[in-house]
C-alpha cells in the first residue's frame, strides 16, 4: 500500500510538471525535487480514507516570488495554502508555505508561538 501511494504521488507530481523524488518518513511523505532549478522539499500527509484528500502539506523552497510553484502545489493538494513564514537561521530567500485542511487555525497559533519562526503571514484565501 505504501509503495503504491508513493508511486501515485510521483505520478501526480509528474502530471503537474514537477520532477520529484519521494521517500517515506514516519506517517507522512517527504519529497524533494526541482522546478525550474528551484529546489524544494515537501512533507505531505497520506490521502484520507474518508474523502481522498490530503490533510496537510508543508513546502520549503527558495525564491519567495515563485507564485507558479505555489499554484502547482495547490493544484496537487486541491486547495490553497493558509500561511507562509520564515525560520530563523534559514538562508535568505528560503520560504515556507503550509496547506492544512483540518486545523489551520490551530497550526497558525502554534507557528506564532515558536521562537524560531517569524514573519508568519496568514492567507485568507487558503481557509
N, C-alpha and C. Protein backbone atom coordinates (compact mmCIF):
# COMPACT_ATOMS: atom_id res chain seq x y z
N UNK A 1 0.82 -1.20 0.00
CA UNK A 1 0.00 0.00 0.00
C UNK A 1 0.87 1.26 0.00
N UNK A 2 1.87 1.31 0.89
CA UNK A 2 2.74 2.49 0.97
C UNK A 2 3.45 2.71 -0.35
N UNK A 3 4.01 1.64 -0.92
CA UNK A 3 4.74 1.76 -2.18
C UNK A 3 3.82 2.27 -3.28
N UNK A 4 2.57 1.77 -3.33
CA UNK A 4 1.61 2.23 -4.33
C UNK A 4 1.30 3.71 -4.15
N UNK A 5 1.13 4.15 -2.89
CA UNK A 5 0.82 5.55 -2.63
C UNK A 5 1.99 6.45 -3.02
N UNK A 6 3.21 6.01 -2.73
CA UNK A 6 4.38 6.79 -3.13
C UNK A 6 4.45 6.92 -4.65
N UNK A 7 4.13 5.85 -5.34
CA UNK A 7 4.14 5.89 -6.80
C UNK A 7 3.04 6.82 -7.31
N UNK A 8 1.89 6.83 -6.64
CA UNK A 8 0.81 7.74 -7.02
C UNK A 8 1.23 9.20 -6.82
N UNK A 9 1.95 9.48 -5.75
CA UNK A 9 2.43 10.84 -5.50
C UNK A 9 3.38 11.26 -6.62
N UNK A 10 4.32 10.40 -6.96
CA UNK A 10 5.25 10.70 -8.06
C UNK A 10 4.48 11.00 -9.35
N UNK A 11 3.52 10.16 -9.64
CA UNK A 11 2.73 10.31 -10.86
C UNK A 11 1.94 11.62 -10.84
N UNK A 12 1.31 11.94 -9.72
CA UNK A 12 0.54 13.18 -9.61
C UNK A 12 1.44 14.39 -9.82
N UNK A 13 2.63 14.36 -9.22
CA UNK A 13 3.57 15.47 -9.40
C UNK A 13 4.03 15.56 -10.86
N UNK A 14 4.34 14.44 -11.47
CA UNK A 14 4.79 14.44 -12.87
C UNK A 14 3.72 15.04 -13.79
N UNK A 15 2.46 14.73 -13.51
CA UNK A 15 1.37 15.28 -14.32
C UNK A 15 1.28 16.80 -14.22
N UNK A 16 1.83 17.37 -13.15
CA UNK A 16 1.84 18.83 -12.98
C UNK A 16 3.15 19.45 -13.46
N UNK A 17 4.06 18.63 -13.97
CA UNK A 17 5.33 19.14 -14.46
C UNK A 17 6.41 19.24 -13.40
N UNK A 18 6.21 18.58 -12.26
CA UNK A 18 7.19 18.59 -11.18
C UNK A 18 7.97 17.29 -11.17
N UNK A 19 9.28 17.37 -11.17
CA UNK A 19 10.13 16.20 -11.09
C UNK A 19 10.54 16.04 -9.63
N UNK A 20 10.08 15.00 -8.97
CA UNK A 20 10.35 14.83 -7.55
C UNK A 20 10.89 13.45 -7.24
N UNK A 21 11.59 13.37 -6.13
CA UNK A 21 11.99 12.10 -5.54
C UNK A 21 11.21 11.99 -4.25
N UNK A 22 10.61 10.85 -4.00
CA UNK A 22 9.74 10.67 -2.85
C UNK A 22 10.29 9.55 -1.98
N UNK A 23 10.34 9.78 -0.68
CA UNK A 23 10.75 8.73 0.26
C UNK A 23 9.84 8.76 1.47
N UNK A 24 9.74 7.66 2.16
CA UNK A 24 8.85 7.51 3.31
C UNK A 24 9.51 8.10 4.54
N UNK A 25 8.73 8.86 5.34
CA UNK A 25 9.23 9.41 6.59
C UNK A 25 8.10 9.36 7.61
N UNK A 26 8.16 8.42 8.53
CA UNK A 26 7.12 8.21 9.54
C UNK A 26 5.77 8.05 8.87
N UNK A 27 4.75 8.83 9.33
CA UNK A 27 3.41 8.68 8.76
C UNK A 27 3.16 9.66 7.62
N UNK A 28 4.14 10.51 7.33
CA UNK A 28 3.99 11.49 6.27
C UNK A 28 4.99 11.20 5.15
N UNK A 29 4.82 11.84 4.03
CA UNK A 29 5.70 11.64 2.90
C UNK A 29 6.63 12.83 2.76
N UNK A 30 7.87 12.53 2.52
CA UNK A 30 8.92 13.53 2.40
C UNK A 30 9.38 13.52 0.95
N UNK A 31 9.22 14.64 0.26
CA UNK A 31 9.53 14.71 -1.17
C UNK A 31 10.55 15.80 -1.42
N UNK A 32 11.46 15.54 -2.35
CA UNK A 32 12.42 16.55 -2.79
C UNK A 32 12.42 16.60 -4.29
N UNK A 33 12.69 17.78 -4.82
CA UNK A 33 12.76 17.90 -6.26
C UNK A 33 13.18 19.29 -6.69
N UNK A 34 13.02 19.56 -7.98
CA UNK A 34 13.35 20.86 -8.55
C UNK A 34 12.27 21.24 -9.54
N UNK A 35 11.99 22.52 -9.59
CA UNK A 35 11.10 23.08 -10.58
C UNK A 35 11.78 24.34 -11.11
N UNK A 36 12.10 24.35 -12.39
CA UNK A 36 12.82 25.49 -12.97
C UNK A 36 14.05 25.86 -12.15
N UNK A 37 14.80 24.86 -11.76
CA UNK A 37 16.05 24.99 -11.00
C UNK A 37 15.84 25.47 -9.56
N UNK A 38 14.60 25.52 -9.09
CA UNK A 38 14.32 25.89 -7.70
C UNK A 38 14.18 24.60 -6.91
N UNK A 39 15.05 24.44 -5.91
CA UNK A 39 14.98 23.25 -5.07
C UNK A 39 13.82 23.39 -4.09
N UNK A 40 13.13 22.28 -3.85
CA UNK A 40 12.06 22.29 -2.86
C UNK A 40 12.05 21.00 -2.06
N UNK A 41 11.48 21.10 -0.89
CA UNK A 41 11.25 19.95 -0.02
C UNK A 41 9.81 20.04 0.46
N UNK A 42 9.12 18.92 0.43
CA UNK A 42 7.72 18.89 0.84
C UNK A 42 7.50 17.75 1.82
N UNK A 43 6.77 18.03 2.88
CA UNK A 43 6.25 16.99 3.76
C UNK A 43 4.75 16.97 3.54
N UNK A 44 4.22 15.81 3.28
CA UNK A 44 2.81 15.72 2.90
C UNK A 44 2.14 14.53 3.59
N UNK A 45 0.87 14.68 3.92
CA UNK A 45 0.14 13.58 4.55
C UNK A 45 -0.37 12.61 3.49
N UNK A 46 -0.73 11.44 3.95
CA UNK A 46 -1.38 10.47 3.07
C UNK A 46 -2.79 10.96 2.75
N UNK A 47 -3.39 10.42 1.71
CA UNK A 47 -4.78 10.76 1.41
C UNK A 47 -5.68 10.16 2.48
N UNK A 48 -6.69 10.92 2.85
CA UNK A 48 -7.67 10.47 3.83
C UNK A 48 -8.52 9.35 3.25
N UNK A 49 -8.80 8.34 4.07
CA UNK A 49 -9.69 7.26 3.64
C UNK A 49 -11.12 7.78 3.48
N UNK A 50 -11.46 8.82 4.25
CA UNK A 50 -12.82 9.36 4.24
C UNK A 50 -13.17 10.06 2.94
N UNK A 51 -12.26 10.96 2.48
CA UNK A 51 -12.61 11.78 1.33
C UNK A 51 -11.55 11.81 0.23
N UNK A 52 -10.45 11.10 0.40
CA UNK A 52 -9.40 11.05 -0.62
C UNK A 52 -8.56 12.32 -0.73
N UNK A 53 -8.68 13.23 0.26
CA UNK A 53 -7.94 14.49 0.25
C UNK A 53 -6.77 14.38 1.22
N UNK A 54 -5.66 15.00 0.87
CA UNK A 54 -4.51 15.07 1.76
C UNK A 54 -4.77 16.20 2.75
N UNK A 55 -4.60 15.92 4.04
CA UNK A 55 -4.96 16.89 5.07
C UNK A 55 -3.98 18.04 5.21
N UNK A 56 -2.71 17.81 4.92
CA UNK A 56 -1.76 18.91 5.03
C UNK A 56 -0.55 18.71 4.15
N UNK A 57 0.15 19.82 3.92
CA UNK A 57 1.39 19.79 3.18
C UNK A 57 2.20 21.01 3.63
N UNK A 58 3.50 20.81 3.80
CA UNK A 58 4.42 21.91 4.11
C UNK A 58 5.47 21.90 3.01
N UNK A 59 5.66 23.04 2.35
CA UNK A 59 6.65 23.17 1.28
C UNK A 59 7.69 24.19 1.68
N UNK A 60 8.95 23.84 1.51
CA UNK A 60 10.09 24.72 1.80
C UNK A 60 10.83 24.92 0.49
N UNK A 61 11.06 26.16 0.09
CA UNK A 61 11.83 26.38 -1.13
C UNK A 61 12.40 27.78 -1.19
N UNK A 62 13.34 27.95 -2.11
CA UNK A 62 13.96 29.25 -2.35
C UNK A 62 13.11 30.03 -3.34
N UNK A 63 13.19 31.34 -3.29
CA UNK A 63 12.52 32.26 -4.21
C UNK A 63 11.08 32.47 -3.81
N UNK A 64 10.88 33.42 -2.92
CA UNK A 64 9.55 33.72 -2.38
C UNK A 64 8.56 34.18 -3.44
N UNK A 65 9.04 34.69 -4.53
CA UNK A 65 8.14 35.26 -5.54
C UNK A 65 7.66 34.25 -6.56
N UNK A 66 7.94 32.98 -6.36
CA UNK A 66 7.56 31.98 -7.36
C UNK A 66 6.11 31.53 -7.14
N UNK A 67 5.16 32.34 -7.58
CA UNK A 67 3.75 32.03 -7.41
C UNK A 67 3.32 30.83 -8.26
N UNK A 68 3.99 30.59 -9.39
CA UNK A 68 3.66 29.44 -10.23
C UNK A 68 3.86 28.14 -9.46
N UNK A 69 4.92 28.09 -8.67
CA UNK A 69 5.23 26.90 -7.89
C UNK A 69 4.14 26.65 -6.85
N UNK A 70 3.74 27.69 -6.13
CA UNK A 70 2.69 27.57 -5.12
C UNK A 70 1.38 27.17 -5.79
N UNK A 71 1.11 27.71 -6.95
CA UNK A 71 -0.09 27.37 -7.69
C UNK A 71 -0.09 25.89 -8.11
N UNK A 72 1.06 25.38 -8.58
CA UNK A 72 1.16 23.96 -8.94
C UNK A 72 0.95 23.06 -7.73
N UNK A 73 1.55 23.43 -6.60
CA UNK A 73 1.37 22.62 -5.39
C UNK A 73 -0.08 22.67 -4.91
N UNK A 74 -0.72 23.82 -5.06
CA UNK A 74 -2.13 23.94 -4.68
C UNK A 74 -2.99 23.06 -5.58
N UNK A 75 -2.64 22.98 -6.86
CA UNK A 75 -3.36 22.08 -7.77
C UNK A 75 -3.18 20.63 -7.34
N UNK A 76 -1.98 20.30 -6.91
CA UNK A 76 -1.68 18.94 -6.47
C UNK A 76 -2.52 18.55 -5.26
N UNK A 77 -2.56 19.42 -4.24
CA UNK A 77 -3.24 19.06 -2.99
C UNK A 77 -4.74 19.37 -3.04
N UNK A 78 -5.15 20.28 -3.92
CA UNK A 78 -6.57 20.54 -4.09
C UNK A 78 -7.10 21.76 -3.36
N UNK A 79 -6.26 22.51 -2.70
CA UNK A 79 -6.67 23.74 -2.03
C UNK A 79 -5.45 24.63 -1.82
N UNK A 80 -5.68 25.89 -1.46
CA UNK A 80 -4.60 26.88 -1.36
C UNK A 80 -3.94 26.85 0.01
N UNK A 81 -2.69 27.35 0.10
CA UNK A 81 -2.02 27.40 1.40
C UNK A 81 -2.71 28.40 2.32
N UNK A 82 -2.58 28.17 3.62
CA UNK A 82 -3.19 29.09 4.57
C UNK A 82 -2.19 30.07 5.15
N UNK A 83 -0.87 29.79 5.02
CA UNK A 83 0.11 30.73 5.56
C UNK A 83 1.48 30.53 4.93
N UNK A 84 2.32 31.51 5.19
CA UNK A 84 3.73 31.46 4.83
C UNK A 84 4.51 32.01 6.02
N UNK A 85 5.77 31.60 6.14
CA UNK A 85 6.60 32.07 7.25
C UNK A 85 8.06 31.80 6.95
N UNK A 86 8.92 32.33 7.81
CA UNK A 86 10.36 32.12 7.70
C UNK A 86 10.86 31.49 8.99
N UNK A 87 11.93 30.71 8.89
CA UNK A 87 12.62 30.16 10.06
C UNK A 87 13.90 30.96 10.29
N UNK A 88 14.19 31.26 11.54
CA UNK A 88 15.45 31.93 11.86
C UNK A 88 16.60 30.98 11.50
N UNK A 89 17.62 31.50 10.89
CA UNK A 89 18.77 30.69 10.52
C UNK A 89 18.71 30.12 9.12
N UNK A 90 17.54 30.18 8.48
CA UNK A 90 17.45 29.71 7.09
C UNK A 90 18.15 30.71 6.19
N UNK A 91 18.67 30.25 5.06
CA UNK A 91 19.31 31.18 4.11
C UNK A 91 18.31 32.22 3.62
N UNK A 92 18.83 33.37 3.21
CA UNK A 92 17.98 34.42 2.66
C UNK A 92 17.27 33.89 1.42
N UNK A 93 16.00 34.21 1.30
CA UNK A 93 15.24 33.75 0.15
C UNK A 93 14.54 32.42 0.36
N UNK A 94 14.77 31.77 1.49
CA UNK A 94 14.15 30.49 1.80
C UNK A 94 12.78 30.76 2.40
N UNK A 95 11.74 30.16 1.88
CA UNK A 95 10.38 30.43 2.34
C UNK A 95 9.64 29.12 2.60
N UNK A 96 8.68 29.18 3.50
CA UNK A 96 7.87 28.03 3.89
C UNK A 96 6.40 28.36 3.63
N UNK A 97 5.69 27.44 3.02
CA UNK A 97 4.25 27.57 2.83
C UNK A 97 3.60 26.35 3.46
N UNK A 98 2.39 26.56 4.02
CA UNK A 98 1.66 25.43 4.60
C UNK A 98 0.23 25.38 4.09
N UNK A 99 -0.21 24.15 3.82
CA UNK A 99 -1.58 23.85 3.47
C UNK A 99 -2.11 22.97 4.59
N UNK A 100 -3.30 23.22 5.09
CA UNK A 100 -3.87 22.41 6.15
C UNK A 100 -5.39 22.40 6.00
N UNK A 101 -5.95 21.24 5.79
CA UNK A 101 -7.39 21.10 5.56
C UNK A 101 -8.16 20.94 6.88
N UNK A 102 -7.53 20.36 7.88
CA UNK A 102 -8.24 20.05 9.12
C UNK A 102 -8.22 21.15 10.17
N UNK A 103 -7.04 21.66 10.50
CA UNK A 103 -6.97 22.62 11.62
C UNK A 103 -5.95 23.74 11.36
N UNK A 104 -6.15 24.54 10.32
CA UNK A 104 -5.20 25.61 10.03
C UNK A 104 -5.10 26.66 11.14
N UNK A 105 -6.21 26.95 11.81
CA UNK A 105 -6.18 27.95 12.89
C UNK A 105 -5.27 27.50 14.03
N UNK A 106 -5.36 26.23 14.40
CA UNK A 106 -4.50 25.70 15.47
C UNK A 106 -3.04 25.73 15.06
N UNK A 107 -2.77 25.36 13.83
CA UNK A 107 -1.38 25.38 13.33
C UNK A 107 -0.84 26.80 13.28
N UNK A 108 -1.67 27.77 12.91
CA UNK A 108 -1.27 29.16 12.86
C UNK A 108 -0.89 29.67 14.25
N UNK A 109 -1.67 29.32 15.24
CA UNK A 109 -1.36 29.70 16.63
C UNK A 109 -0.05 29.06 17.06
N UNK A 110 0.13 27.79 16.74
CA UNK A 110 1.37 27.08 17.07
C UNK A 110 2.59 27.76 16.45
N UNK A 111 2.49 28.13 15.19
CA UNK A 111 3.60 28.78 14.49
C UNK A 111 3.94 30.14 15.12
N UNK A 112 2.94 30.89 15.51
CA UNK A 112 3.16 32.23 16.07
C UNK A 112 3.90 32.18 17.41
N UNK A 113 3.80 31.07 18.12
CA UNK A 113 4.46 30.96 19.41
C UNK A 113 5.81 30.25 19.36
N UNK A 114 6.25 29.85 18.19
CA UNK A 114 7.56 29.20 18.05
C UNK A 114 8.64 30.28 17.98
N UNK A 115 9.68 30.11 18.77
CA UNK A 115 10.76 31.10 18.81
C UNK A 115 11.56 31.15 17.52
N UNK A 116 11.63 30.05 16.79
CA UNK A 116 12.45 30.01 15.57
C UNK A 116 11.66 30.34 14.30
N UNK A 117 10.40 30.74 14.45
CA UNK A 117 9.56 31.10 13.31
C UNK A 117 9.21 32.58 13.41
N UNK A 118 9.29 33.27 12.26
CA UNK A 118 8.90 34.69 12.27
C UNK A 118 8.27 35.06 10.94
N UNK A 119 7.72 36.25 10.90
CA UNK A 119 7.01 36.77 9.72
C UNK A 119 5.93 35.80 9.24
N UNK A 120 5.13 35.32 10.19
CA UNK A 120 4.01 34.44 9.83
C UNK A 120 2.93 35.30 9.17
N UNK A 121 2.54 34.90 7.98
CA UNK A 121 1.52 35.64 7.24
C UNK A 121 0.38 34.69 6.89
N UNK A 122 -0.82 35.03 7.32
CA UNK A 122 -2.00 34.21 7.05
C UNK A 122 -2.62 34.63 5.72
N UNK A 123 -3.02 33.65 4.93
CA UNK A 123 -3.72 33.91 3.68
C UNK A 123 -5.21 33.61 3.89
N UNK A 124 -6.06 34.57 3.73
CA UNK A 124 -7.49 34.34 3.91
C UNK A 124 -8.05 33.39 2.86
N UNK A 125 -7.50 33.43 1.64
CA UNK A 125 -7.99 32.58 0.56
C UNK A 125 -7.72 31.10 0.83
N UNK A 126 -6.76 30.78 1.68
CA UNK A 126 -6.42 29.38 1.93
C UNK A 126 -7.32 28.68 2.91
N UNK A 127 -8.20 29.43 3.56
CA UNK A 127 -9.10 28.81 4.56
C UNK A 127 -10.37 28.33 3.94
